[in-house]
Amino acid sequence: MSDPLVVEVERSGVVESTHLADVAVVDERGDLVAWAGDPERPAAYRSSAKPMQARASLEAGWAPADDRALAIACASHNGEPDHVAAVRAVLSAAGLDESALRCPPDVPLFPAAARSVAEPSPIFHNCSGKHAAMLAACRAAGWPLESYLLPEHPLQQRVRAVVETLVGALEGPLVDGCGVPTFVAPLRALADGFRRIDGGVEAAAMRGHPFLVAGTERLDTDLMAADPRILVKGGAEGLACLSVDGFGVAVKIRDGSARARGPAVLSVLDQCGIGGGISLPQHREPAVLGGGVRVGSVRARGLLERA
């Protein structure tokens, strides 16, 4: 245990809010080499598990048409036109359409895309690529389509086996926001599991198509575009998992705030010397606005402990 990182929201020279972040950094052997707060704090993998869920779909028999299909399976996308087209292509290749999706109806995360949408639909849900790949895997394996969300479904059992192989003992499952099972493990184990998924075809597809993984103005897309060595996947409730140069990193914002994630992640990369001095000021110190004008910023402070 040590002090967590602190992400401060400063407005007009006054610290208005603070967010605390736990961090775990592991090396190529899976040993903890740096941390802040509690690196053994339990956390749910949420969408940071998507590369592992995609691997389970591949193992079940899904044969994606190209790397774009695999990248969208790993995505928490903005619902921009390129994202929606990629999801529809996965479904079409399996002989399915969006009516088969069991993720909740939603509107695109990106405001410009949302303005052109008449009503919510599952295809716009940020997890629809993962769901499309799961459906395609079920079609390939001859498994039931309607029940693919259930923990006892053969596909979800395979997902659990893949995650356990990479991470170790799991708690759960919990029901994720999109309806599929997700799992809980210590933050250090999540970092190591994400490091271990790197090097696979899922990671190559994400690096090859960073826009499909998230989209315009998103941390995951911008980090991988800025430095192709980085593999990163954010998850709900302020989680981010990264792999770079043989290190695995997991950052969890305790109060679940997404706005604190970028400053915390970039601070960790800087302190570990594994991010190559990436700038990305829009994520490092996001603007705090007043009357439409920048009047402050969100900044991380604090030091990692070292083994």
C-alpha atoms as a PDB file:
ATOM      1  CA  MET A   1       0.000   0.000   0.000  1.00  0.00           C
ATOM      2  CA  SER A   2       1.093   3.550  -0.746  1.00  0.00           C
ATOM      3  CA  ASP A   3      -0.522   6.861  -1.540  1.00  0.00           C
ATOM      4  CA  PRO A   4      -2.718   6.719  -4.627  1.00  0.00           C
ATOM      5  CA  LEU A   5      -2.173   9.066  -7.528  1.00  0.00           C
ATOM      6  CA  VAL A   6      -4.335  12.167  -7.254  1.00  0.00           C
ATOM      7  CA  VAL A   7      -6.067  13.739 -10.239  1.00  0.00           C
ATOM      8  CA  GLU A   8      -7.104  17.305  -9.478  1.00  0.00           C
ATOM      9  CA  VAL A   9      -9.802  19.304 -11.229  1.00  0.00           C
ATOM     10  CA  GLU A  10      -8.713  22.932 -11.056  1.00  0.00           C
ATOM     11  CA  ARG A  11     -11.078  25.745 -11.962  1.00  0.00           C
ATOM     12  CA  SER A  12      -9.975  29.396 -11.896  1.00  0.00           C
ATOM     13  CA  GLY A  13      -7.052  28.527  -9.636  1.00  0.00           C
ATOM     14  CA  VAL A  14      -9.143  26.531  -7.148  1.00  0.00           C
ATOM     15  CA  VAL A  15      -9.030  22.741  -6.804  1.00  0.00           C
ATOM     16  CA  GLU A  16     -12.711  21.956  -7.168  1.00  0.00           C
ATOM     17  CA  SER A  17     -12.592  18.122  -7.154  1.00  0.00           C
ATOM     18  CA  THR A  18     -10.119  15.285  -6.737  1.00  0.00           C
ATOM     19  CA  HIS A  19     -10.025  11.692  -7.969  1.00  0.00           C
ATOM     20  CA  LEU A  20      -7.793   8.942  -6.549  1.00  0.00           C
ATOM     21  CA  ALA A  21      -6.149   6.290  -8.711  1.00  0.00           C
ATOM     22  CA  ASP A  22      -4.693   2.877  -7.880  1.00  0.00           C
ATOM     23  CA  VAL A  23      -1.957   1.659 -10.223  1.00  0.00           C
ATOM     24  CA  ALA A  24      -0.166  -1.621 -10.858  1.00  0.00           C
ATOM     25  CA  VAL A  25       2.809  -2.023 -13.209  1.00  0.00           C
ATOM     26  CA  VAL A  26       4.263  -5.481 -13.886  1.00  0.00           C
ATOM     27  CA  ASP A  27       7.335  -6.537 -15.852  1.00  0.00           C
ATOM     28  CA  GLU A  28       7.782  -9.289 -18.436  1.00  0.00           C
ATOM     29  CA  ARG A  29       7.799 -11.913 -15.670  1.00  0.00           C
ATOM     30  CA  GLY A  30       4.577 -10.592 -14.168  1.00  0.00           C
ATOM     31  CA  ASP A  31       6.392  -9.194 -11.121  1.00  0.00           C
ATOM     32  CA  LEU A  32       5.089  -5.972  -9.607  1.00  0.00           C
ATOM     33  CA  VAL A  33       7.683  -3.256 -10.266  1.00  0.00           C
ATOM     34  CA  ALA A  34       5.762  -0.027  -9.599  1.00  0.00           C
ATOM     35  CA  TRP A  35       2.485   0.929  -8.022  1.00  0.00           C
ATOM     36  CA  ALA A  36       0.379   3.624  -6.393  1.00  0.00           C
ATOM     37  CA  GLY A  37      -2.345   3.087  -3.845  1.00  0.00           C
ATOM     38  CA  ASP A  38      -3.331  -0.574  -3.609  1.00  0.00           C
ATOM     39  CA  PRO A  39      -2.112  -2.731  -6.550  1.00  0.00           C
ATOM     40  CA  GLU A  40      -4.058  -5.695  -5.133  1.00  0.00           C
ATOM     41  CA  ARG A  41      -7.351  -3.820  -5.043  1.00  0.00           C
ATOM     42  CA  PRO A  42     -10.056  -5.916  -6.775  1.00  0.00           C
ATOM     43  CA  ALA A  43     -11.369  -4.471 -10.014  1.00  0.00           C
ATOM     44  CA  ALA A  44     -13.765  -5.649 -12.708  1.00  0.00           C
ATOM     45  CA  TYR A  45     -12.185  -6.132 -16.128  1.00  0.00           C
ATOM     46  CA  ARG A  46     -15.168  -4.569 -17.914  1.00  0.00           C
ATOM     47  CA  SER A  47     -14.280  -3.578 -21.498  1.00  0.00           C
ATOM     48  CA  SER A  48     -10.540  -3.964 -20.927  1.00  0.00           C
ATOM     49  CA  ALA A  49     -11.213  -7.702 -21.349  1.00  0.00           C
ATOM     50  CA  LYS A  50     -12.412  -7.309 -24.938  1.00  0.00           C
ATOM     51  CA  PRO A  51      -9.197  -8.602 -26.572  1.00  0.00           C
ATOM     52  CA  MET A  52      -9.563 -11.738 -24.426  1.00  0.00           C
ATOM     53  CA  GLN A  53     -13.230 -12.082 -25.311  1.00  0.00           C
ATOM     54  CA  ALA A  54     -12.270 -11.757 -28.970  1.00  0.00           C
ATOM     55  CA  ARG A  55      -9.697 -14.525 -28.505  1.00  0.00           C
ATOM     56  CA  ALA A  56     -12.425 -16.774 -27.101  1.00  0.00           C
ATOM     57  CA  SER A  57     -14.564 -16.051 -30.177  1.00  0.00           C
ATOM     58  CA  LEU A  58     -11.629 -16.992 -32.408  1.00  0.00           C
ATOM     59  CA  GLU A  59     -11.065 -20.214 -30.483  1.00  0.00           C
ATOM     60  CA  ALA A  60     -14.757 -21.059 -30.886  1.00  0.00           C
ATOM     61  CA  GLY A  61     -14.366 -20.968 -34.659  1.00  0.00           C
ATOM     62  CA  TRP A  62     -14.992 -17.367 -35.698  1.00  0.00           C
ATOM     63  CA  ALA A  63     -12.916 -16.582 -38.793  1.00  0.00           C
ATOM     64  CA  PRO A  64     -12.898 -12.794 -39.205  1.00  0.00           C
ATOM     65  CA  ALA A  65     -12.736 -11.545 -42.776  1.00  0.00           C
ATOM     66  CA  ASP A  66      -9.888  -9.138 -41.988  1.00  0.00           C
ATOM     67  CA  ASP A  67      -8.148  -7.221 -39.210  1.00  0.00           C
ATOM     68  CA  ARG A  68     -10.875  -4.583 -39.243  1.00  0.00           C
ATOM     69  CA  ALA A  69     -13.355  -7.208 -38.093  1.00  0.00           C
ATOM     70  CA  LEU A  70     -11.052  -8.290 -35.278  1.00  0.00           C
ATOM     71  CA  ALA A  71     -10.354  -4.686 -34.228  1.00  0.00           C
ATOM     72  CA  ILE A  72     -14.059  -3.850 -33.955  1.00  0.00           C
ATOM     73  CA  ALA A  73     -14.555  -6.996 -31.851  1.00  0.00           C
ATOM     74  CA  CYS A  74     -12.075  -5.485 -29.354  1.00  0.00           C
ATOM     75  CA  ALA A  75     -13.663  -2.034 -29.456  1.00  0.00           C
ATOM     76  CA  SER A  76     -15.624   0.293 -27.233  1.00  0.00           C
ATOM     77  CA  HIS A  77     -16.450   2.391 -30.244  1.00  0.00           C
ATOM     78  CA  ASN A  78     -17.935   5.832 -30.719  1.00  0.00           C
ATOM     79  CA  GLY A  79     -20.715   4.718 -33.050  1.00  0.00           C
ATOM     80  CA  GLU A  80     -19.252   6.722 -35.921  1.00  0.00           C
ATOM     81  CA  PRO A  81     -20.113   5.561 -39.465  1.00  0.00           C
ATOM     82  CA  ASP A  82     -16.885   3.568 -39.899  1.00  0.00           C
ATOM     83  CA  HIS A  83     -17.562   1.721 -36.638  1.00  0.00           C
ATOM     84  CA  VAL A  84     -21.142   0.875 -37.545  1.00  0.00           C
ATOM     85  CA  ALA A  85     -20.090  -0.335 -40.993  1.00  0.00           C
ATOM     86  CA  ALA A  86     -17.454  -2.619 -39.456  1.00  0.00           C
ATOM     87  CA  VAL A  87     -19.999  -4.160 -37.052  1.00  0.00           C
ATOM     88  CA  ARG A  88     -22.489  -4.739 -39.850  1.00  0.00           C
ATOM     89  CA  ALA A  89     -19.758  -6.414 -41.926  1.00  0.00           C
ATOM     90  CA  VAL A  90     -19.058  -8.907 -39.100  1.00  0.00           C
ATOM     91  CA  LEU A  91     -22.750  -9.737 -38.819  1.00  0.00           C
ATOM     92  CA  SER A  92     -23.241 -10.014 -42.581  1.00  0.00           C
ATOM     93  CA  ALA A  93     -20.277 -12.369 -42.965  1.00  0.00           C
ATOM     94  CA  ALA A  94     -21.989 -14.687 -40.466  1.00  0.00           C
ATOM     95  CA  GLY A  95     -25.316 -14.487 -42.275  1.00  0.00           C
ATOM     96  CA  LEU A  96     -26.834 -12.309 -39.537  1.00  0.00           C
ATOM     97  CA  ASP A  97     -28.126  -8.789 -39.166  1.00  0.00           C
ATOM     98  CA  GLU A  98     -28.321  -6.356 -36.267  1.00  0.00           C
ATOM     99  CA  SER A  99     -31.608  -7.816 -35.037  1.00  0.00           C
ATOM    100  CA  ALA A 100     -29.512 -10.655 -33.538  1.00  0.00           C
ATOM    101  CA  LEU A 101     -27.626  -8.272 -31.224  1.00  0.00           C
ATOM    102  CA  ARG A 102     -28.548  -8.514 -27.545  1.00  0.00           C
ATOM    103  CA  CYS A 103     -26.668  -5.425 -26.343  1.00  0.00           C
ATOM    104  CA  PRO A 104     -29.001  -2.607 -25.233  1.00  0.00           C
ATOM    105  CA  PRO A 105     -30.278   0.009 -27.699  1.00  0.00           C
ATOM    106  CA  ASP A 106     -28.101   3.107 -27.549  1.00  0.00           C
ATOM    107  CA  VAL A 107     -27.029   6.220 -29.434  1.00  0.00           C
ATOM    108  CA  PRO A 108     -23.445   6.877 -30.562  1.00  0.00           C
ATOM    109  CA  LEU A 109     -20.985   8.103 -27.948  1.00  0.00           C
ATOM    110  CA  PHE A 110     -19.593  10.715 -30.343  1.00  0.00           C
ATOM    111  CA  PRO A 111     -21.923  13.748 -30.350  1.00  0.00           C
ATOM    112  CA  ALA A 112     -21.592  14.481 -34.075  1.00  0.00           C
ATOM    113  CA  ALA A 113     -22.589  10.895 -34.880  1.00  0.00           C
ATOM    114  CA  ALA A 114     -25.436  10.927 -32.341  1.00  0.00           C
ATOM    115  CA  ARG A 115     -27.011  13.991 -33.972  1.00  0.00           C
ATOM    116  CA  SER A 116     -27.659  12.018 -37.149  1.00  0.00           C
ATOM    117  CA  VAL A 117     -29.383   9.110 -35.350  1.00  0.00           C
ATOM    118  CA  ALA A 118     -33.182   9.110 -35.192  1.00  0.00           C
ATOM    119  CA  GLU A 119     -33.546   6.582 -32.368  1.00  0.00           C
ATOM    120  CA  PRO A 120     -31.424   4.276 -30.190  1.00  0.00           C
ATOM    121  CA  SER A 121     -30.395   0.923 -31.638  1.00  0.00           C
ATOM    122  CA  PRO A 122     -28.119  -1.924 -30.457  1.00  0.00           C
ATOM    123  CA  ILE A 123     -25.829  -1.343 -33.454  1.00  0.00           C
ATOM    124  CA  PHE A 124     -24.782   2.004 -31.948  1.00  0.00           C
ATOM    125  CA  HIS A 125     -23.898   0.531 -28.559  1.00  0.00           C
ATOM    126  CA  ASN A 126     -20.176   0.851 -27.943  1.00  0.00           C
ATOM    127  CA  CYS A 127     -19.927  -2.930 -27.381  1.00  0.00           C
ATOM    128  CA  SER A 128     -21.762  -3.980 -30.548  1.00  0.00           C
ATOM    129  CA  GLY A 129     -18.555  -5.155 -32.244  1.00  0.00           C
ATOM    130  CA  LYS A 130     -17.858  -7.595 -29.435  1.00  0.00           C
ATOM    131  CA  HIS A 131     -21.431  -8.837 -29.563  1.00  0.00           C
ATOM    132  CA  ALA A 132     -21.264  -9.268 -33.347  1.00  0.00           C
ATOM    133  CA  ALA A 133     -18.106 -11.365 -33.005  1.00  0.00           C
ATOM    134  CA  MET A 134     -19.711 -13.470 -30.270  1.00  0.00           C
ATOM    135  CA  LEU A 135     -22.720 -14.114 -32.485  1.00  0.00           C
ATOM    136  CA  ALA A 136     -20.455 -15.035 -35.398  1.00  0.00           C
ATOM    137  CA  ALA A 137     -18.567 -17.448 -33.115  1.00  0.00           C
ATOM    138  CA  CYS A 138     -21.807 -19.057 -31.997  1.00  0.00           C
ATOM    139  CA  ARG A 139     -22.921 -19.441 -35.608  1.00  0.00           C
ATOM    140  CA  ALA A 140     -19.567 -21.069 -36.485  1.00  0.00           C
ATOM    141  CA  ALA A 141     -19.712 -23.443 -33.491  1.00  0.00           C
ATOM    142  CA  GLY A 142     -23.390 -24.321 -33.879  1.00  0.00           C
ATOM    143  CA  TRP A 143     -24.237 -22.861 -30.474  1.00  0.00           C
ATOM    144  CA  PRO A 144     -27.524 -21.115 -29.605  1.00  0.00           C
ATOM    145  CA  LEU A 145     -27.639 -17.473 -30.670  1.00  0.00           C
ATOM    146  CA  GLU A 146     -30.419 -16.139 -28.462  1.00  0.00           C
ATOM    147  CA  SER A 147     -28.735 -17.076 -25.172  1.00  0.00           C
ATOM    148  CA  TYR A 148     -25.134 -16.070 -25.921  1.00  0.00           C
ATOM    149  CA  LEU A 149     -25.129 -13.564 -23.025  1.00  0.00           C
ATOM    150  CA  LEU A 150     -25.747 -16.144 -20.310  1.00  0.00           C
ATOM    151  CA  PRO A 151     -22.825 -17.229 -18.085  1.00  0.00           C
ATOM    152  CA  GLU A 152     -23.630 -20.904 -18.700  1.00  0.00           C
ATOM    153  CA  HIS A 153     -23.561 -20.524 -22.498  1.00  0.00           C
ATOM    154  CA  PRO A 154     -20.646 -22.452 -24.104  1.00  0.00           C
ATOM    155  CA  LEU A 155     -19.147 -19.243 -25.489  1.00  0.00           C
ATOM    156  CA  GLN A 156     -19.146 -17.462 -22.127  1.00  0.00           C
ATOM    157  CA  GLN A 157     -17.644 -20.557 -20.523  1.00  0.00           C
ATOM    158  CA  ARG A 158     -14.860 -20.373 -23.107  1.00  0.00           C
ATOM    159  CA  VAL A 159     -14.379 -16.667 -22.362  1.00  0.00           C
ATOM    160  CA  ARG A 160     -13.948 -17.445 -18.678  1.00  0.00           C
ATOM    161  CA  ALA A 161     -11.391 -20.164 -19.469  1.00  0.00           C
ATOM    162  CA  VAL A 162      -9.377 -17.770 -21.654  1.00  0.00           C
ATOM    163  CA  VAL A 163      -9.411 -15.007 -19.031  1.00  0.00           C
ATOM    164  CA  GLU A 164      -8.451 -17.438 -16.246  1.00  0.00           C
ATOM    165  CA  THR A 165      -5.530 -18.715 -18.312  1.00  0.00           C
ATOM    166  CA  LEU A 166      -4.206 -15.168 -18.683  1.00  0.00           C
ATOM    167  CA  VAL A 167      -5.147 -13.665 -15.330  1.00  0.00           C
ATOM    168  CA  GLY A 168      -5.507 -16.463 -12.781  1.00  0.00           C
ATOM    169  CA  ALA A 169      -8.294 -16.905 -10.256  1.00  0.00           C
ATOM    170  CA  LEU A 170     -11.375 -14.814 -10.912  1.00  0.00           C
ATOM    171  CA  GLU A 171     -14.335 -13.595  -8.889  1.00  0.00           C
ATOM    172  CA  GLY A 172     -17.743 -13.278 -10.481  1.00  0.00           C
ATOM    173  CA  PRO A 173     -19.156 -13.245 -12.986  1.00  0.00           C
ATOM    174  CA  LEU A 174     -20.737  -9.815 -12.811  1.00  0.00           C
ATOM    175  CA  VAL A 175     -23.121  -8.580 -15.478  1.00  0.00           C
ATOM    176  CA  ASP A 176     -21.376  -5.956 -17.581  1.00  0.00           C
ATOM    177  CA  GLY A 177     -23.199  -2.889 -18.857  1.00  0.00           C
ATOM    178  CA  CYS A 178     -23.772  -4.516 -22.247  1.00  0.00           C
ATOM    179  CA  GLY A 179     -25.150  -7.692 -20.658  1.00  0.00           C
ATOM    180  CA  VAL A 180     -22.249 -10.154 -21.004  1.00  0.00           C
ATOM    181  CA  PRO A 181     -20.431 -11.623 -17.985  1.00  0.00           C
ATOM    182  CA  THR A 182     -17.314  -9.892 -16.726  1.00  0.00           C
ATOM    183  CA  PHE A 183     -14.911 -10.834 -13.942  1.00  0.00           C
ATOM    184  CA  VAL A 184     -13.061  -9.385 -10.961  1.00  0.00           C
ATOM    185  CA  ALA A 185      -9.398  -9.868 -10.064  1.00  0.00           C
ATOM    186  CA  PRO A 186      -6.660  -7.877  -8.297  1.00  0.00           C
ATOM    187  CA  LEU A 187      -5.444  -4.879 -10.273  1.00  0.00           C
ATOM    188  CA  ARG A 188      -1.966  -6.417 -10.555  1.00  0.00           C
ATOM    189  CA  ALA A 189      -3.462  -9.544 -12.134  1.00  0.00           C
ATOM    190  CA  LEU A 190      -5.445  -7.458 -14.623  1.00  0.00           C
ATOM    191  CA  ALA A 191      -2.217  -5.705 -15.648  1.00  0.00           C
ATOM    192  CA  ASP A 192      -0.428  -9.020 -16.122  1.00  0.00           C
ATOM    193  CA  GLY A 193      -3.297 -10.568 -18.067  1.00  0.00           C
ATOM    194  CA  PHE A 194      -3.371  -7.632 -20.449  1.00  0.00           C
ATOM    195  CA  ARG A 195       0.403  -7.864 -20.918  1.00  0.00           C
ATOM    196  CA  ARG A 196       0.038 -11.530 -21.771  1.00  0.00           C
ATOM    197  CA  ILE A 197      -2.625 -10.943 -24.448  1.00  0.00           C
ATOM    198  CA  ASP A 198      -0.151  -8.699 -26.253  1.00  0.00           C
ATOM    199  CA  GLY A 199       1.620 -10.371 -29.161  1.00  0.00           C
ATOM    200  CA  GLY A 200      -1.566 -12.082 -30.335  1.00  0.00           C
ATOM    201  CA  VAL A 201      -3.562 -11.364 -33.461  1.00  0.00           C
ATOM    202  CA  GLU A 202      -6.048  -9.370 -31.381  1.00  0.00           C
ATOM    203  CA  ALA A 203      -3.351  -6.912 -30.323  1.00  0.00           C
ATOM    204  CA  ALA A 204      -2.035  -6.618 -33.887  1.00  0.00           C
ATOM    205  CA  ALA A 205      -5.516  -5.779 -35.163  1.00  0.00           C
ATOM    206  CA  MET A 206      -6.009  -3.125 -32.480  1.00  0.00           C
ATOM    207  CA  ARG A 207      -2.667  -1.497 -33.256  1.00  0.00           C
ATOM    208  CA  GLY A 208      -3.367  -1.692 -36.978  1.00  0.00           C
ATOM    209  CA  HIS A 209      -6.771  -0.016 -36.663  1.00  0.00           C
ATOM    210  CA  PRO A 210      -6.702   2.230 -33.581  1.00  0.00           C
ATOM    211  CA  PHE A 211      -9.612   4.329 -34.842  1.00  0.00           C
ATOM    212  CA  LEU A 212     -11.918   1.318 -34.815  1.00  0.00           C
ATOM    213  CA  VAL A 213     -10.998   0.522 -31.191  1.00  0.00           C
ATOM    214  CA  ALA A 214     -12.505   3.790 -29.913  1.00  0.00           C
ATOM    215  CA  GLY A 215     -12.745   6.756 -32.296  1.00  0.00           C
ATOM    216  CA  THR A 216     -12.485  10.508 -32.540  1.00  0.00           C
ATOM    217  CA  GLU A 217     -11.118  12.285 -29.433  1.00  0.00           C
ATOM    218  CA  ARG A 218     -10.741   9.014 -27.498  1.00  0.00           C
ATOM    219  CA  LEU A 219      -7.721   8.144 -25.346  1.00  0.00           C
ATOM    220  CA  ASP A 220      -7.262   4.579 -26.636  1.00  0.00           C
ATOM    221  CA  THR A 221      -7.230   5.630 -30.286  1.00  0.00           C
ATOM    222  CA  ASP A 222      -4.975   8.619 -29.735  1.00  0.00           C
ATOM    223  CA  LEU A 223      -2.436   6.724 -27.596  1.00  0.00           C
ATOM    224  CA  MET A 224      -2.037   3.860 -30.072  1.00  0.00           C
ATOM    225  CA  ALA A 225      -1.851   6.288 -32.999  1.00  0.00           C
ATOM    226  CA  ALA A 226       0.821   8.325 -31.184  1.00  0.00           C
ATOM    227  CA  ASP A 227       2.961   5.290 -30.312  1.00  0.00           C
ATOM    228  CA  PRO A 228       2.238   1.963 -32.062  1.00  0.00           C
ATOM    229  CA  ARG A 229       4.166   0.109 -29.349  1.00  0.00           C
ATOM    230  CA  ILE A 230       1.290   0.804 -26.978  1.00  0.00           C
ATOM    231  CA  LEU A 231      -1.684  -1.507 -26.623  1.00  0.00           C
ATOM    232  CA  VAL A 232      -4.440   0.060 -24.530  1.00  0.00           C
ATOM    233  CA  LYS A 233      -8.053  -0.703 -23.750  1.00  0.00           C
ATOM    234  CA  GLY A 234     -10.169   1.302 -21.389  1.00  0.00           C
ATOM    235  CA  GLY A 235     -13.002  -0.099 -19.343  1.00  0.00           C
ATOM    236  CA  ALA A 236     -15.961   1.344 -17.499  1.00  0.00           C
ATOM    237  CA  GLU A 237     -15.633   2.849 -14.023  1.00  0.00           C
ATOM    238  CA  GLY A 238     -12.309   4.496 -14.794  1.00  0.00           C
ATOM    239  CA  LEU A 239     -10.231   1.410 -15.691  1.00  0.00           C
ATOM    240  CA  ALA A 240      -7.425   1.390 -18.248  1.00  0.00           C
ATOM    241  CA  CYS A 241      -5.133  -1.547 -19.109  1.00  0.00           C
ATOM    242  CA  LEU A 242      -1.990  -1.174 -21.193  1.00  0.00           C
ATOM    243  CA  SER A 243       0.883  -3.203 -22.547  1.00  0.00           C
ATOM    244  CA  VAL A 244       4.055  -1.570 -23.833  1.00  0.00           C
ATOM    245  CA  ASP A 245       7.677  -2.670 -24.099  1.00  0.00           C
ATOM    246  CA  GLY A 246       6.992  -5.853 -22.122  1.00  0.00           C
ATOM    247  CA  PHE A 247       5.303  -4.066 -19.219  1.00  0.00           C
ATOM    248  CA  GLY A 248       1.672  -4.445 -18.195  1.00  0.00           C
ATOM    249  CA  VAL A 249      -0.151  -1.531 -16.605  1.00  0.00           C
ATOM    250  CA  ALA A 250      -3.545  -1.243 -14.952  1.00  0.00           C
ATOM    251  CA  VAL A 251      -4.965   2.057 -13.694  1.00  0.00           C
ATOM    252  CA  LYS A 252      -8.244   2.242 -11.784  1.00  0.00           C
ATOM    253  CA  ILE A 253      -9.904   5.492 -10.778  1.00  0.00           C
ATOM    254  CA  ARG A 254     -11.525   4.736  -7.427  1.00  0.00           C
ATOM    255  CA  ASP A 255     -14.679   6.783  -7.976  1.00  0.00           C
ATOM    256  CA  GLY A 256     -15.065   5.520 -11.545  1.00  0.00           C
ATOM    257  CA  SER A 257     -14.516   8.922 -13.164  1.00  0.00           C
ATOM    258  CA  ALA A 258     -13.592   8.672 -16.844  1.00  0.00           C
ATOM    259  CA  ARG A 259     -12.226  12.234 -16.928  1.00  0.00           C
ATOM    260  CA  ALA A 260      -9.377  11.275 -14.586  1.00  0.00           C
ATOM    261  CA  ARG A 261      -8.218   8.323 -16.698  1.00  0.00           C
ATOM    262  CA  GLY A 262      -6.163  10.174 -19.324  1.00  0.00           C
ATOM    263  CA  PRO A 263      -4.126  12.306 -16.892  1.00  0.00           C
ATOM    264  CA  ALA A 264      -3.461   9.260 -14.668  1.00  0.00           C
ATOM    265  CA  VAL A 265      -2.432   6.974 -17.544  1.00  0.00           C
ATOM    266  CA  LEU A 266      -0.061   9.504 -19.078  1.00  0.00           C
ATOM    267  CA  SER A 267       1.483  10.251 -15.675  1.00  0.00           C
ATOM    268  CA  VAL A 268       2.164   6.534 -15.159  1.00  0.00           C
ATOM    269  CA  LEU A 269       3.728   6.170 -18.612  1.00  0.00           C
ATOM    270  CA  ASP A 270       5.947   9.188 -17.964  1.00  0.00           C
ATOM    271  CA  GLN A 271       7.103   7.950 -14.577  1.00  0.00           C
ATOM    272  CA  CYS A 272       7.881   4.474 -15.889  1.00  0.00           C
ATOM    273  CA  GLY A 273       9.708   5.823 -18.914  1.00  0.00           C
ATOM    274  CA  ILE A 274       7.770   3.439 -21.156  1.00  0.00           C
ATOM    275  CA  GLY A 275       5.642   5.855 -23.137  1.00  0.00           C
ATOM    276  CA  GLY A 276       8.225   7.736 -25.162  1.00  0.00           C
ATOM    277  CA  GLY A 277       7.245  11.169 -23.870  1.00  0.00           C
ATOM    278  CA  ILE A 278       3.872  11.303 -25.611  1.00  0.00           C
ATOM    279  CA  SER A 279       2.321  14.776 -25.629  1.00  0.00           C
ATOM    280  CA  LEU A 280      -1.471  14.476 -26.151  1.00  0.00           C
ATOM    281  CA  PRO A 281      -2.330  17.597 -24.103  1.00  0.00           C
ATOM    282  CA  GLN A 282      -6.068  17.013 -24.621  1.00  0.00           C
ATOM    283  CA  HIS A 283      -5.726  13.835 -22.544  1.00  0.00           C
ATOM    284  CA  ARG A 284      -2.822  14.814 -20.289  1.00  0.00           C
ATOM    285  CA  GLU A 285      -4.510  17.997 -19.028  1.00  0.00           C
ATOM    286  CA  PRO A 286      -8.090  18.117 -20.321  1.00  0.00           C
ATOM    287  CA  ALA A 287      -9.613  21.578 -20.296  1.00  0.00           C
ATOM    288  CA  VAL A 288     -12.074  22.759 -17.674  1.00  0.00           C
ATOM    289  CA  LEU A 289     -14.403  25.236 -19.351  1.00  0.00           C
ATOM    290  CA  GLY A 290     -16.246  28.253 -18.049  1.00  0.00           C
ATOM    291  CA  GLY A 291     -18.513  30.107 -20.436  1.00  0.00           C
ATOM    292  CA  GLY A 292     -17.002  28.112 -23.289  1.00  0.00           C
ATOM    293  CA  VAL A 293     -13.473  29.292 -22.434  1.00  0.00           C
ATOM    294  CA  ARG A 294     -10.678  27.275 -20.799  1.00  0.00           C
ATOM    295  CA  VAL A 295     -10.491  28.328 -17.134  1.00  0.00           C
ATOM    296  CA  GLY A 296      -8.640  25.331 -15.694  1.00  0.00           C
ATOM    297  CA  SER A 297      -7.596  21.764 -16.311  1.00  0.00           C
ATOM    298  CA  VAL A 298      -7.562  18.210 -14.979  1.00  0.00           C
ATOM    299  CA  ARG A 299      -4.051  17.210 -13.841  1.00  0.00           C
ATOM    300  CA  ALA A 300      -2.437  14.193 -12.211  1.00  0.00           C
ATOM    301  CA  ARG A 301       0.076  14.440  -9.386  1.00  0.00           C
ATOM    302  CA  GLY A 302       1.854  11.964  -7.147  1.00  0.00           C
ATOM    303  CA  LEU A 303       4.680   9.442  -7.500  1.00  0.00           C
ATOM    304  CA  LEU A 304       4.734   5.716  -8.051  1.00  0.00           C
ATOM    305  CA  GLU A 305       6.409   3.453  -5.530  1.00  0.00           C
ATOM    306  CA  ARG A 306       9.157   1.168  -6.892  1.00  0.00           C
ATOM    307  CA  ALA A 307      10.007  -2.397  -6.037  1.00  0.00           C
END
